[in-house]
C-alpha atoms as a PDB file:
ATOM      1  CA  MET A   1      41.375 -34.394  83.102  1.00  0.00           C
ATOM      2  CA  ARG A   2      41.991 -37.819  84.623  1.00  0.00           C
ATOM      3  CA  ARG A   3      39.934 -40.794  83.409  1.00  0.00           C
ATOM      4  CA  ARG A   4      38.338 -43.129  85.899  1.00  0.00           C
ATOM      5  CA  GLU A   5      36.959 -46.583  85.240  1.00  0.00           C
ATOM      6  CA  GLY A   6      33.485 -46.181  83.781  1.00  0.00           C
ATOM      7  CA  ASP A   7      33.769 -42.410  83.277  1.00  0.00           C
ATOM      8  CA  GLU A   8      33.310 -40.793  79.911  1.00  0.00           C
ATOM      9  CA  THR A   9      36.432 -39.351  78.354  1.00  0.00           C
ATOM     10  CA  ARG A  10      36.949 -35.754  79.377  1.00  0.00           C
ATOM     11  CA  VAL A  11      38.149 -33.276  76.768  1.00  0.00           C
ATOM     12  CA  LEU A  12      39.792 -30.016  77.763  1.00  0.00           C
ATOM     13  CA  ARG A  13      39.441 -27.025  75.431  1.00  0.00           C
ATOM     14  CA  LEU A  14      42.579 -24.948  75.440  1.00  0.00           C
ATOM     15  CA  ASN A  15      43.785 -21.768  73.734  1.00  0.00           C
ATOM     16  CA  VAL A  16      47.377 -22.097  72.537  1.00  0.00           C
ATOM     17  CA  GLY A  17      49.517 -19.309  71.091  1.00  0.00           C
ATOM     18  CA  GLY A  18      48.981 -15.580  71.184  1.00  0.00           C
ATOM     19  CA  SER A  19      51.503 -14.869  73.975  1.00  0.00           C
ATOM     20  CA  THR A  20      55.184 -14.069  73.849  1.00  0.00           C
ATOM     21  CA  ARG A  21      57.636 -16.261  75.751  1.00  0.00           C
ATOM     22  CA  THR A  22      58.137 -13.366  78.186  1.00  0.00           C
ATOM     23  CA  GLU A  23      54.386 -13.152  78.806  1.00  0.00           C
ATOM     24  CA  LEU A  24      54.225 -16.923  79.328  1.00  0.00           C
ATOM     25  CA  ARG A  25      57.133 -16.894  81.785  1.00  0.00           C
ATOM     26  CA  THR A  26      55.565 -13.980  83.667  1.00  0.00           C
ATOM     27  CA  GLU A  27      52.172 -15.707  83.892  1.00  0.00           C
ATOM     28  CA  LEU A  28      53.719 -19.013  84.969  1.00  0.00           C
ATOM     29  CA  GLY A  29      55.765 -17.186  87.622  1.00  0.00           C
ATOM     30  CA  SER A  30      52.769 -15.215  88.894  1.00  0.00           C
ATOM     31  CA  ARG A  31      50.937 -18.512  89.464  1.00  0.00           C
ATOM     32  CA  GLY A  32      53.904 -20.026  91.275  1.00  0.00           C
ATOM     33  CA  VAL A  33      54.710 -22.577  88.559  1.00  0.00           C
ATOM     34  CA  LEU A  34      58.308 -23.763  88.731  1.00  0.00           C
ATOM     35  CA  LEU A  35      60.376 -24.588  85.634  1.00  0.00           C
ATOM     36  CA  ASN A  36      63.410 -26.792  85.236  1.00  0.00           C
ATOM     37  CA  THR A  37      66.360 -25.986  82.959  1.00  0.00           C
ATOM     38  CA  TYR A  38      64.929 -28.141  80.168  1.00  0.00           C
ATOM     39  CA  ALA A  39      61.625 -26.244  80.233  1.00  0.00           C
ATOM     40  CA  ASP A  40      63.595 -22.998  79.941  1.00  0.00           C
ATOM     41  CA  MET A  41      65.495 -24.434  76.961  1.00  0.00           C
ATOM     42  CA  LEU A  42      62.220 -25.319  75.248  1.00  0.00           C
ATOM     43  CA  LEU A  43      60.731 -21.881  75.966  1.00  0.00           C
ATOM     44  CA  ASP A  44      63.771 -20.286  74.299  1.00  0.00           C
ATOM     45  CA  HIS A  45      63.052 -22.143  71.029  1.00  0.00           C
ATOM     46  CA  THR A  46      61.644 -20.264  68.017  1.00  0.00           C
ATOM     47  CA  VAL A  47      58.313 -22.145  68.275  1.00  0.00           C
ATOM     48  CA  PHE A  48      57.596 -19.687  71.083  1.00  0.00           C
ATOM     49  CA  ASP A  49      57.934 -16.704  68.774  1.00  0.00           C
ATOM     50  CA  PRO A  50      54.573 -14.897  68.627  1.00  0.00           C
ATOM     51  CA  ARG A  51      51.872 -16.641  66.602  1.00  0.00           C
ATOM     52  CA  ALA A  52      48.124 -16.464  66.265  1.00  0.00           C
ATOM     53  CA  GLN A  53      46.094 -18.037  69.043  1.00  0.00           C
ATOM     54  CA  GLU A  54      44.221 -21.256  68.230  1.00  0.00           C
ATOM     55  CA  GLU A  55      41.786 -23.387  70.191  1.00  0.00           C
ATOM     56  CA  ILE A  56      42.651 -27.059  70.538  1.00  0.00           C
ATOM     57  CA  ASN A  57      41.128 -29.985  72.389  1.00  0.00           C
ATOM     58  CA  ILE A  58      43.230 -32.082  74.758  1.00  0.00           C
ATOM     59  CA  ILE A  59      42.579 -35.664  75.783  1.00  0.00           C
ATOM     60  CA  GLU A  60      44.680 -37.788  78.103  1.00  0.00           C
ATOM     61  CA  ARG A  61      45.720 -41.385  77.468  1.00  0.00           C
ATOM     62  CA  ASN A  62      48.284 -43.651  79.042  1.00  0.00           C
ATOM     63  CA  VAL A  63      50.569 -45.852  76.984  1.00  0.00           C
ATOM     64  CA  GLY A  64      48.683 -49.000  78.007  1.00  0.00           C
ATOM     65  CA  GLU A  65      45.344 -47.530  76.886  1.00  0.00           C
ATOM     66  CA  LEU A  66      46.882 -47.152  73.437  1.00  0.00           C
ATOM     67  CA  GLY A  67      47.389 -50.924  73.414  1.00  0.00           C
ATOM     68  CA  LEU A  68      51.100 -50.785  74.231  1.00  0.00           C
ATOM     69  CA  ARG A  69      50.906 -53.082  77.260  1.00  0.00           C
ATOM     70  CA  THR A  70      54.678 -53.585  77.578  1.00  0.00           C
ATOM     71  CA  GLY A  71      55.648 -49.953  77.016  1.00  0.00           C
ATOM     72  CA  ALA A  72      57.013 -48.197  73.946  1.00  0.00           C
ATOM     73  CA  THR A  73      59.477 -45.617  72.699  1.00  0.00           C
ATOM     74  CA  LEU A  74      58.340 -42.039  72.149  1.00  0.00           C
ATOM     75  CA  LEU A  75      58.071 -42.530  68.381  1.00  0.00           C
ATOM     76  CA  GLU A  76      56.118 -45.772  68.859  1.00  0.00           C
ATOM     77  CA  VAL A  77      53.729 -44.052  71.282  1.00  0.00           C
ATOM     78  CA  PHE A  78      53.135 -41.261  68.767  1.00  0.00           C
ATOM     79  CA  ALA A  79      52.654 -43.647  65.804  1.00  0.00           C
ATOM     80  CA  VAL A  80      50.167 -45.888  67.631  1.00  0.00           C
ATOM     81  CA  ALA A  81      48.312 -42.865  69.017  1.00  0.00           C
ATOM     82  CA  ARG A  82      47.828 -41.604  65.458  1.00  0.00           C
ATOM     83  CA  GLU A  83      46.470 -45.024  64.415  1.00  0.00           C
ATOM     84  CA  ARG A  84      44.008 -44.822  67.343  1.00  0.00           C
ATOM     85  CA  GLY A  85      42.691 -41.382  66.385  1.00  0.00           C
ATOM     86  CA  PHE A  86      44.934 -38.982  68.287  1.00  0.00           C
ATOM     87  CA  ALA A  87      47.160 -36.199  66.978  1.00  0.00           C
ATOM     88  CA  LEU A  88      50.205 -34.519  68.440  1.00  0.00           C
ATOM     89  CA  CYS A  89      49.766 -31.172  70.153  1.00  0.00           C
ATOM     90  CA  PRO A  90      51.395 -27.997  68.836  1.00  0.00           C
ATOM     91  CA  PRO A  91      54.940 -27.798  70.252  1.00  0.00           C
ATOM     92  CA  ASP A  92      54.084 -24.729  72.356  1.00  0.00           C
ATOM     93  CA  THR A  93      51.159 -26.416  74.167  1.00  0.00           C
ATOM     94  CA  GLY A  94      52.998 -27.225  77.431  1.00  0.00           C
ATOM     95  CA  PRO A  95      52.919 -23.816  79.153  1.00  0.00           C
ATOM     96  CA  TYR A  96      49.306 -23.171  78.139  1.00  0.00           C
ATOM     97  CA  LEU A  97      48.235 -26.587  79.419  1.00  0.00           C
ATOM     98  CA  ARG A  98      50.086 -26.032  82.712  1.00  0.00           C
ATOM     99  CA  LEU A  99      48.259 -22.718  83.171  1.00  0.00           C
ATOM    100  CA  ALA A 100      44.903 -24.379  82.413  1.00  0.00           C
ATOM    101  CA  MET A 101      45.383 -27.388  84.718  1.00  0.00           C
ATOM    102  CA  ALA A 102      45.327 -25.853  88.158  1.00  0.00           C
ATOM    103  CA  SER A 103      43.841 -28.981  89.736  1.00  0.00           C
ATOM    104  CA  GLN A 104      46.280 -31.704  88.645  1.00  0.00           C
ATOM    105  CA  ALA A 105      46.660 -34.518  91.184  1.00  0.00           C
ATOM    106  CA  ILE A 106      49.703 -34.440  93.473  1.00  0.00           C
ATOM    107  CA  ALA A 107      52.438 -36.878  92.432  1.00  0.00           C
ATOM    108  CA  PRO A 108      52.789 -39.977  94.632  1.00  0.00           C
ATOM    109  CA  ASP A 109      56.483 -39.226  95.204  1.00  0.00           C
ATOM    110  CA  SER A 110      58.703 -36.152  95.251  1.00  0.00           C
ATOM    111  CA  VAL A 111      61.527 -37.476  93.051  1.00  0.00           C
ATOM    112  CA  LEU A 112      62.168 -34.812  90.411  1.00  0.00           C
ATOM    113  CA  SER A 113      64.810 -36.560  88.319  1.00  0.00           C
ATOM    114  CA  ALA A 114      65.749 -40.216  88.414  1.00  0.00           C
ATOM    115  CA  GLY A 115      66.482 -41.263  84.831  1.00  0.00           C
ATOM    116  CA  ARG A 116      62.906 -42.464  84.401  1.00  0.00           C
ATOM    117  CA  SER A 117      59.560 -40.938  83.653  1.00  0.00           C
ATOM    118  CA  PRO A 118      58.373 -39.434  86.952  1.00  0.00           C
ATOM    119  CA  ALA A 119      55.278 -40.760  88.700  1.00  0.00           C
ATOM    120  CA  GLY A 120      52.254 -38.517  88.253  1.00  0.00           C
ATOM    121  CA  ALA A 121      53.682 -36.726  85.205  1.00  0.00           C
ATOM    122  CA  LEU A 122      51.515 -35.779  82.236  1.00  0.00           C
ATOM    123  CA  LYS A 123      53.670 -35.550  79.124  1.00  0.00           C
ATOM    124  CA  VAL A 124      52.519 -33.253  76.326  1.00  0.00           C
ATOM    125  CA  ALA A 125      52.603 -35.256  73.086  1.00  0.00           C
ATOM    126  CA  SER A 126      54.316 -32.997  70.559  1.00  0.00           C
ATOM    127  CA  ALA A 127      56.934 -33.468  67.873  1.00  0.00           C
ATOM    128  CA  PRO A 128      60.492 -33.162  69.231  1.00  0.00           C
ATOM    129  CA  LEU A 129      62.105 -29.834  68.316  1.00  0.00           C
ATOM    130  CA  SER A 130      65.535 -31.409  67.746  1.00  0.00           C
ATOM    131  CA  ASP A 131      67.041 -34.822  67.006  1.00  0.00           C
ATOM    132  CA  ASP A 132      69.891 -33.998  69.403  1.00  0.00           C
ATOM    133  CA  VAL A 133      69.534 -36.336  72.418  1.00  0.00           C
ATOM    134  CA  ALA A 134      70.900 -33.559  74.654  1.00  0.00           C
ATOM    135  CA  PHE A 135      67.985 -31.271  73.734  1.00  0.00           C
ATOM    136  CA  PRO A 136      64.674 -31.785  75.587  1.00  0.00           C
ATOM    137  CA  LYS A 137      62.021 -33.721  73.682  1.00  0.00           C
ATOM    138  CA  GLY A 138      59.022 -32.036  75.245  1.00  0.00           C
ATOM    139  CA  PHE A 139      57.199 -30.792  78.318  1.00  0.00           C
ATOM    140  CA  TYR A 140      55.548 -32.576  81.185  1.00  0.00           C
ATOM    141  CA  LEU A 141      53.295 -31.291  83.955  1.00  0.00           C
ATOM    142  CA  ARG A 142      53.588 -32.459  87.516  1.00  0.00           C
ATOM    143  CA  VAL A 143      52.565 -31.369  91.018  1.00  0.00           C
ATOM    144  CA  VAL A 144      55.092 -32.263  93.714  1.00  0.00           C
ATOM    145  CA  GLU A 145      54.215 -31.628  97.368  1.00  0.00           C
ATOM    146  CA  GLY A 146      51.590 -29.089  96.284  1.00  0.00           C
ATOM    147  CA  GLN A 147      53.972 -27.235  93.940  1.00  0.00           C
ATOM    148  CA  GLN A 148      53.051 -27.016  90.242  1.00  0.00           C
ATOM    149  CA  TRP A 149      55.869 -27.732  87.800  1.00  0.00           C
ATOM    150  CA  LEU A 150      56.338 -27.324  84.068  1.00  0.00           C
ATOM    151  CA  ARG A 151      59.353 -29.448  83.231  1.00  0.00           C
ATOM    152  CA  GLY A 152      61.123 -30.431  80.064  1.00  0.00           C
ATOM    153  CA  PHE A 153      62.261 -34.010  79.559  1.00  0.00           C
ATOM    154  CA  ARG A 154      64.969 -35.712  77.558  1.00  0.00           C
ATOM    155  CA  CYS A 155      65.045 -39.245  76.210  1.00  0.00           C
ATOM    156  CA  ASP A 156      66.788 -41.071  73.423  1.00  0.00           C
ATOM    157  CA  HIS A 157      65.131 -43.141  70.684  1.00  0.00           C
ATOM    158  CA  GLU A 158      65.513 -46.333  72.765  1.00  0.00           C
ATOM    159  CA  TYR A 159      63.896 -45.128  76.018  1.00  0.00           C
ATOM    160  CA  LEU A 160      60.753 -47.131  76.842  1.00  0.00           C
ATOM    161  CA  PHE A 161      57.805 -45.365  78.420  1.00  0.00           C
ATOM    162  CA  SER A 162      55.836 -47.643  80.741  1.00  0.00           C
ATOM    163  CA  PRO A 163      52.192 -48.604  80.155  1.00  0.00           C
ATOM    164  CA  GLU A 164      51.245 -46.237  83.027  1.00  0.00           C
ATOM    165  CA  ASP A 165      52.955 -43.162  81.519  1.00  0.00           C
ATOM    166  CA  ARG A 166      50.350 -40.539  80.605  1.00  0.00           C
ATOM    167  CA  PHE A 167      50.328 -38.284  77.541  1.00  0.00           C
ATOM    168  CA  ALA A 168      48.124 -35.381  76.459  1.00  0.00           C
ATOM    169  CA  PHE A 169      47.025 -35.648  72.808  1.00  0.00           C
ATOM    170  CA  GLN A 170      44.563 -33.952  70.501  1.00  0.00           C
ATOM    171  CA  PRO A 171      41.645 -36.081  69.312  1.00  0.00           C
ATOM    172  CA  LEU A 172      41.469 -36.276  65.508  1.00  0.00           C
END
């Protein structure tokens, strides 16, 4: 789902919902996907209670492509994305997207947590489930040394994402 200079935008069709959190954890585990503690916290949230399956479209953009050349906070990224024709994903999109993206590029480094957005991470743009800064704000997908990860991330309202940080949105 990566864009290259001169390529047309690629849209990924994805089914979201329809599985219990136990089924999702089992499927992620059977495919060797690793989770961090924050991903587990998100999966325990009520948004992962059973719901009807829906098909959504996913498109990837980096912060700079949204016109935010010096970076932006999470809320600024989401607001500008909306102005540019992109919507947030349902909050339970992360695990389904991880299962659908078996061919994500390997991250350029193996640092898993460094107080910054990790290189090679694709953040799922979805509304935060809590205003508490200690609670994860969302999921990101990353492949480190050939190992697929579904990780949750935390940030406060002042954290600036760089122009290179990538997000998965829905086109409006």
